[in-house]
Amino acid sequence: MKTILLVDDEYSIIELLAQLFEEEGYAVLIAANGQEGLDRAAETVPDLVITDQMMPLMNGAELFRALKKDPKLRRVPVILVTSTPLAASRDLAWAEFVPKPFNFDELLSVVRRVLGA
């Protein structure tokens, strides 16, 4: 079973996505900000991280950079889901961008592609 780490400060989004991904057969870890996401990933290395950009404590780009510095986590693909302009984060090697608002089926398709499923 593949594990997805969802990182977003909007609890309603995390709760909904967690339920939907679990129904699709994924194990799901959740975090409310980038720092919490980094801590969760260090505890249990996920197969994929899906993160928002705009969050308190550590934003999505800062989380991405921190993950890539950790030898255990540097190969974990990261999908950025955001409503913010992407130009500021284009210098990072994201696995994929998914603009908000999004359709769950579209996000699921991206997740399957990134995970090779």
N, C-alpha and C. Protein backbone atom coordinates (compact mmCIF):
# COMPACT_ATOMS: atom_id res chain seq x y z
N MET A 1 0.85 -1.18 0.00
CA MET A 1 0.00 0.00 0.00
C MET A 1 0.89 1.24 0.00
N LYS A 2 0.63 2.14 -0.93
CA LYS A 2 1.38 3.39 -1.02
C LYS A 2 0.87 4.39 0.01
N THR A 3 1.80 5.18 0.53
CA THR A 3 1.46 6.19 1.54
C THR A 3 1.60 7.58 0.96
N ILE A 4 0.55 8.39 1.15
CA ILE A 4 0.54 9.78 0.70
C ILE A 4 0.51 10.68 1.92
N LEU A 5 1.39 11.66 1.94
CA LEU A 5 1.39 12.69 2.98
C LEU A 5 0.72 13.93 2.41
N LEU A 6 -0.39 14.34 3.03
CA LEU A 6 -1.14 15.54 2.62
C LEU A 6 -0.76 16.69 3.56
N VAL A 7 -0.33 17.81 3.00
CA VAL A 7 0.08 18.96 3.80
C VAL A 7 -0.69 20.19 3.35
N ASP A 8 -1.57 20.68 4.23
CA ASP A 8 -2.38 21.85 3.90
C ASP A 8 -2.94 22.41 5.20
N ASP A 9 -3.00 23.72 5.32
CA ASP A 9 -3.52 24.33 6.53
C ASP A 9 -5.04 24.45 6.52
N GLU A 10 -5.68 24.08 5.42
CA GLU A 10 -7.15 24.10 5.35
C GLU A 10 -7.65 22.70 5.72
N TYR A 11 -8.12 22.57 6.97
CA TYR A 11 -8.49 21.27 7.50
C TYR A 11 -9.58 20.59 6.67
N SER A 12 -10.53 21.34 6.17
CA SER A 12 -11.61 20.73 5.39
C SER A 12 -11.08 20.06 4.13
N ILE A 13 -10.07 20.64 3.50
CA ILE A 13 -9.47 20.05 2.30
C ILE A 13 -8.74 18.77 2.67
N ILE A 14 -7.94 18.83 3.73
CA ILE A 14 -7.18 17.65 4.18
C ILE A 14 -8.12 16.51 4.54
N GLU A 15 -9.17 16.83 5.28
CA GLU A 15 -10.11 15.80 5.72
C GLU A 15 -10.77 15.12 4.52
N LEU A 16 -11.22 15.90 3.56
CA LEU A 16 -11.87 15.36 2.37
C LEU A 16 -10.89 14.53 1.54
N LEU A 17 -9.72 15.07 1.27
CA LEU A 17 -8.74 14.34 0.46
C LEU A 17 -8.30 13.05 1.15
N ALA A 18 -8.10 13.11 2.46
CA ALA A 18 -7.69 11.90 3.19
C ALA A 18 -8.74 10.80 3.01
N GLN A 19 -9.99 11.15 3.16
CA GLN A 19 -11.07 10.16 3.01
C GLN A 19 -11.09 9.60 1.59
N LEU A 20 -10.99 10.47 0.60
CA LEU A 20 -11.05 10.03 -0.79
C LEU A 20 -9.86 9.14 -1.16
N PHE A 21 -8.66 9.52 -0.72
CA PHE A 21 -7.48 8.70 -1.03
C PHE A 21 -7.53 7.37 -0.29
N GLU A 22 -8.02 7.36 0.94
CA GLU A 22 -8.16 6.10 1.67
C GLU A 22 -9.14 5.17 0.96
N GLU A 23 -10.23 5.74 0.43
CA GLU A 23 -11.20 4.95 -0.33
C GLU A 23 -10.58 4.36 -1.60
N GLU A 24 -9.53 5.00 -2.11
CA GLU A 24 -8.82 4.51 -3.29
C GLU A 24 -7.72 3.51 -2.93
N GLY A 25 -7.56 3.23 -1.63
CA GLY A 25 -6.60 2.22 -1.20
C GLY A 25 -5.24 2.74 -0.77
N TYR A 26 -5.11 4.03 -0.57
CA TYR A 26 -3.85 4.61 -0.12
C TYR A 26 -3.86 4.78 1.40
N ALA A 27 -2.70 4.64 2.02
CA ALA A 27 -2.54 5.05 3.41
C ALA A 27 -2.29 6.55 3.38
N VAL A 28 -2.84 7.28 4.33
CA VAL A 28 -2.73 8.74 4.31
C VAL A 28 -2.20 9.26 5.63
N LEU A 29 -1.21 10.13 5.54
CA LEU A 29 -0.70 10.90 6.68
C LEU A 29 -1.12 12.34 6.43
N ILE A 30 -1.38 13.10 7.49
CA ILE A 30 -1.78 14.49 7.30
C ILE A 30 -0.93 15.42 8.16
N ALA A 31 -0.80 16.65 7.68
CA ALA A 31 -0.07 17.69 8.40
C ALA A 31 -0.70 19.03 8.06
N ALA A 32 -0.71 19.94 9.05
CA ALA A 32 -1.36 21.23 8.89
C ALA A 32 -0.44 22.34 8.38
N ASN A 33 0.86 22.07 8.29
CA ASN A 33 1.80 23.06 7.77
C ASN A 33 3.07 22.33 7.34
N GLY A 34 3.96 23.06 6.70
CA GLY A 34 5.18 22.45 6.18
C GLY A 34 6.07 21.84 7.24
N GLN A 35 6.21 22.51 8.38
CA GLN A 35 7.06 21.96 9.44
C GLN A 35 6.50 20.64 9.96
N GLU A 36 5.19 20.62 10.17
CA GLU A 36 4.54 19.38 10.62
C GLU A 36 4.68 18.30 9.55
N GLY A 37 4.58 18.69 8.30
CA GLY A 37 4.75 17.74 7.20
C GLY A 37 6.14 17.15 7.18
N LEU A 38 7.14 17.98 7.39
CA LEU A 38 8.52 17.50 7.44
C LEU A 38 8.71 16.52 8.59
N ASP A 39 8.14 16.84 9.74
CA ASP A 39 8.22 15.95 10.91
C ASP A 39 7.55 14.62 10.61
N ARG A 40 6.37 14.64 10.00
CA ARG A 40 5.64 13.40 9.68
C ARG A 40 6.44 12.55 8.69
N ALA A 41 7.01 13.21 7.68
CA ALA A 41 7.80 12.49 6.67
C ALA A 41 9.03 11.85 7.29
N ALA A 42 9.63 12.52 8.26
CA ALA A 42 10.81 11.96 8.93
C ALA A 42 10.44 10.73 9.76
N GLU A 43 9.23 10.73 10.33
CA GLU A 43 8.75 9.59 11.13
C GLU A 43 8.40 8.40 10.24
N THR A 44 7.69 8.65 9.15
CA THR A 44 7.25 7.62 8.23
C THR A 44 7.47 8.14 6.82
N VAL A 45 8.43 7.59 6.11
CA VAL A 45 8.74 8.08 4.77
C VAL A 45 7.57 7.76 3.83
N PRO A 46 6.94 8.79 3.28
CA PRO A 46 5.80 8.56 2.38
C PRO A 46 6.29 8.22 0.97
N ASP A 47 5.39 7.69 0.17
CA ASP A 47 5.69 7.45 -1.24
C ASP A 47 5.48 8.71 -2.08
N LEU A 48 4.67 9.64 -1.52
CA LEU A 48 4.32 10.87 -2.23
C LEU A 48 3.91 11.92 -1.22
N VAL A 49 4.29 13.17 -1.49
CA VAL A 49 3.82 14.31 -0.69
C VAL A 49 2.98 15.19 -1.61
N ILE A 50 1.80 15.57 -1.12
CA ILE A 50 0.96 16.55 -1.81
C ILE A 50 0.85 17.74 -0.87
N THR A 51 1.33 18.90 -1.32
CA THR A 51 1.36 20.06 -0.44
C THR A 51 0.75 21.30 -1.08
N ASP A 52 0.21 22.15 -0.22
CA ASP A 52 -0.23 23.48 -0.61
C ASP A 52 1.01 24.37 -0.58
N GLN A 53 0.92 25.54 -1.17
CA GLN A 53 2.03 26.50 -1.12
C GLN A 53 1.91 27.43 0.08
N MET A 54 0.75 28.07 0.24
CA MET A 54 0.57 29.09 1.27
C MET A 54 0.13 28.45 2.59
N MET A 55 1.09 28.37 3.55
CA MET A 55 0.82 27.80 4.87
C MET A 55 1.67 28.52 5.90
N PRO A 56 1.24 28.50 7.16
CA PRO A 56 2.05 29.11 8.22
C PRO A 56 3.27 28.24 8.54
N LEU A 57 4.23 28.82 9.20
CA LEU A 57 5.47 28.18 9.68
C LEU A 57 6.43 27.80 8.58
N MET A 58 5.98 27.06 7.59
CA MET A 58 6.83 26.65 6.47
C MET A 58 5.92 26.44 5.27
N ASN A 59 6.16 27.19 4.19
CA ASN A 59 5.30 27.05 3.02
C ASN A 59 5.70 25.83 2.18
N GLY A 60 4.97 25.59 1.12
CA GLY A 60 5.22 24.42 0.29
C GLY A 60 6.60 24.38 -0.32
N ALA A 61 7.10 25.51 -0.81
CA ALA A 61 8.43 25.55 -1.41
C ALA A 61 9.51 25.29 -0.35
N GLU A 62 9.32 25.83 0.84
CA GLU A 62 10.29 25.58 1.92
C GLU A 62 10.26 24.11 2.34
N LEU A 63 9.07 23.52 2.37
CA LEU A 63 8.95 22.10 2.66
C LEU A 63 9.68 21.29 1.59
N PHE A 64 9.46 21.62 0.34
CA PHE A 64 10.12 20.92 -0.77
C PHE A 64 11.64 20.95 -0.59
N ARG A 65 12.18 22.13 -0.33
CA ARG A 65 13.63 22.26 -0.16
C ARG A 65 14.14 21.43 1.02
N ALA A 66 13.39 21.44 2.12
CA ALA A 66 13.79 20.68 3.31
C ALA A 66 13.75 19.18 3.04
N LEU A 67 12.74 18.72 2.32
CA LEU A 67 12.66 17.30 1.97
C LEU A 67 13.85 16.88 1.12
N LYS A 68 14.22 17.71 0.18
CA LYS A 68 15.31 17.37 -0.74
C LYS A 68 16.68 17.40 -0.07
N LYS A 69 16.80 18.05 1.09
CA LYS A 69 18.06 18.07 1.84
C LYS A 69 18.26 16.81 2.67
N ASP A 70 17.18 16.09 2.94
CA ASP A 70 17.24 14.90 3.78
C ASP A 70 17.49 13.67 2.90
N PRO A 71 18.60 12.95 3.11
CA PRO A 71 18.90 11.78 2.27
C PRO A 71 17.78 10.74 2.24
N LYS A 72 17.04 10.60 3.33
CA LYS A 72 15.94 9.64 3.40
C LYS A 72 14.75 10.07 2.57
N LEU A 73 14.59 11.37 2.38
CA LEU A 73 13.37 11.92 1.78
C LEU A 73 13.58 12.53 0.40
N ARG A 74 14.81 12.67 -0.04
CA ARG A 74 15.07 13.44 -1.27
C ARG A 74 14.46 12.83 -2.52
N ARG A 75 14.19 11.53 -2.51
CA ARG A 75 13.60 10.91 -3.71
C ARG A 75 12.07 10.86 -3.68
N VAL A 76 11.47 11.36 -2.61
CA VAL A 76 10.01 11.35 -2.51
C VAL A 76 9.45 12.43 -3.45
N PRO A 77 8.59 12.04 -4.39
CA PRO A 77 8.02 13.05 -5.29
C PRO A 77 7.06 13.97 -4.53
N VAL A 78 7.01 15.24 -4.96
CA VAL A 78 6.17 16.24 -4.31
C VAL A 78 5.29 16.90 -5.37
N ILE A 79 3.98 16.85 -5.12
CA ILE A 79 3.00 17.53 -5.98
C ILE A 79 2.57 18.81 -5.27
N LEU A 80 2.62 19.92 -5.98
CA LEU A 80 2.16 21.19 -5.44
C LEU A 80 0.73 21.45 -5.91
N VAL A 81 -0.17 21.62 -4.94
CA VAL A 81 -1.57 21.96 -5.21
C VAL A 81 -1.77 23.37 -4.66
N THR A 82 -2.03 24.33 -5.54
CA THR A 82 -2.07 25.72 -5.07
C THR A 82 -2.92 26.61 -5.96
N SER A 83 -3.42 27.66 -5.35
CA SER A 83 -4.14 28.69 -6.11
C SER A 83 -3.25 29.91 -6.33
N THR A 84 -2.04 29.89 -5.79
CA THR A 84 -1.12 31.02 -5.95
C THR A 84 -0.39 30.92 -7.28
N PRO A 85 0.08 32.04 -7.79
CA PRO A 85 0.84 32.01 -9.04
C PRO A 85 2.05 31.08 -8.91
N LEU A 86 2.28 30.32 -9.93
CA LEU A 86 3.32 29.30 -9.87
C LEU A 86 4.72 29.83 -10.16
N ALA A 87 4.83 31.02 -10.68
CA ALA A 87 6.13 31.52 -11.12
C ALA A 87 7.18 31.47 -10.02
N ALA A 88 6.81 31.75 -8.79
CA ALA A 88 7.78 31.81 -7.71
C ALA A 88 8.35 30.43 -7.37
N SER A 89 7.65 29.37 -7.72
CA SER A 89 8.10 28.04 -7.36
C SER A 89 8.55 27.21 -8.56
N ARG A 90 8.60 27.79 -9.73
CA ARG A 90 8.96 27.05 -10.94
C ARG A 90 10.41 26.58 -10.93
N ASP A 91 11.25 27.18 -10.11
CA ASP A 91 12.65 26.78 -10.08
C ASP A 91 12.84 25.44 -9.36
N LEU A 92 11.80 24.93 -8.73
CA LEU A 92 11.89 23.67 -8.01
C LEU A 92 11.40 22.53 -8.90
N ALA A 93 11.97 21.35 -8.70
CA ALA A 93 11.64 20.19 -9.54
C ALA A 93 10.44 19.43 -8.98
N TRP A 94 9.28 20.10 -8.96
CA TRP A 94 8.05 19.46 -8.50
C TRP A 94 7.73 18.29 -9.40
N ALA A 95 7.11 17.25 -8.85
CA ALA A 95 6.67 16.12 -9.67
C ALA A 95 5.53 16.58 -10.58
N GLU A 96 4.70 17.50 -10.06
CA GLU A 96 3.56 18.00 -10.81
C GLU A 96 2.97 19.21 -10.11
N PHE A 97 2.27 20.06 -10.87
CA PHE A 97 1.48 21.18 -10.34
C PHE A 97 0.01 20.85 -10.56
N VAL A 98 -0.82 21.10 -9.56
CA VAL A 98 -2.26 20.96 -9.72
C VAL A 98 -2.88 22.26 -9.22
N PRO A 99 -3.51 23.03 -10.10
CA PRO A 99 -4.10 24.31 -9.68
C PRO A 99 -5.40 24.11 -8.90
N LYS A 100 -5.59 24.95 -7.88
CA LYS A 100 -6.86 25.00 -7.15
C LYS A 100 -7.76 26.00 -7.87
N PRO A 101 -9.04 25.78 -7.93
CA PRO A 101 -9.74 24.58 -7.46
C PRO A 101 -9.48 23.43 -8.42
N PHE A 102 -9.55 22.21 -7.91
CA PHE A 102 -9.28 21.04 -8.73
C PHE A 102 -10.40 20.03 -8.58
N ASN A 103 -10.45 19.13 -9.52
CA ASN A 103 -11.39 18.02 -9.51
C ASN A 103 -10.64 16.82 -8.93
N PHE A 104 -11.25 16.09 -7.99
CA PHE A 104 -10.54 14.97 -7.36
C PHE A 104 -10.09 13.94 -8.37
N ASP A 105 -10.91 13.65 -9.39
CA ASP A 105 -10.52 12.66 -10.39
C ASP A 105 -9.26 13.09 -11.13
N GLU A 106 -9.13 14.38 -11.39
CA GLU A 106 -7.92 14.90 -12.05
C GLU A 106 -6.71 14.73 -11.13
N LEU A 107 -6.89 15.07 -9.84
CA LEU A 107 -5.80 14.91 -8.88
C LEU A 107 -5.42 13.45 -8.75
N LEU A 108 -6.38 12.57 -8.67
CA LEU A 108 -6.13 11.14 -8.56
C LEU A 108 -5.36 10.64 -9.77
N SER A 109 -5.71 11.11 -10.94
CA SER A 109 -5.00 10.73 -12.16
C SER A 109 -3.53 11.16 -12.09
N VAL A 110 -3.29 12.38 -11.61
CA VAL A 110 -1.92 12.88 -11.45
C VAL A 110 -1.17 12.02 -10.44
N VAL A 111 -1.81 11.70 -9.32
CA VAL A 111 -1.18 10.88 -8.28
C VAL A 111 -0.79 9.52 -8.85
N ARG A 112 -1.71 8.89 -9.56
CA ARG A 112 -1.41 7.57 -10.15
C ARG A 112 -0.24 7.66 -11.12
N ARG A 113 -0.21 8.71 -11.92
CA ARG A 113 0.88 8.88 -12.88
C ARG A 113 2.22 9.06 -12.15
N VAL A 114 2.23 9.91 -11.13
CA VAL A 114 3.47 10.18 -10.41
C VAL A 114 3.96 8.93 -9.68
N LEU A 115 3.02 8.15 -9.14
CA LEU A 115 3.39 6.93 -8.41
C LEU A 115 3.62 5.73 -9.35
N GLY A 116 3.35 5.93 -10.63
CA GLY A 116 3.54 4.84 -11.57
C GLY A 116 2.51 3.74 -11.41
N ALA A 117 1.32 4.11 -10.93
CA ALA A 117 0.27 3.11 -10.70
C ALA A 117 -0.73 3.07 -11.83
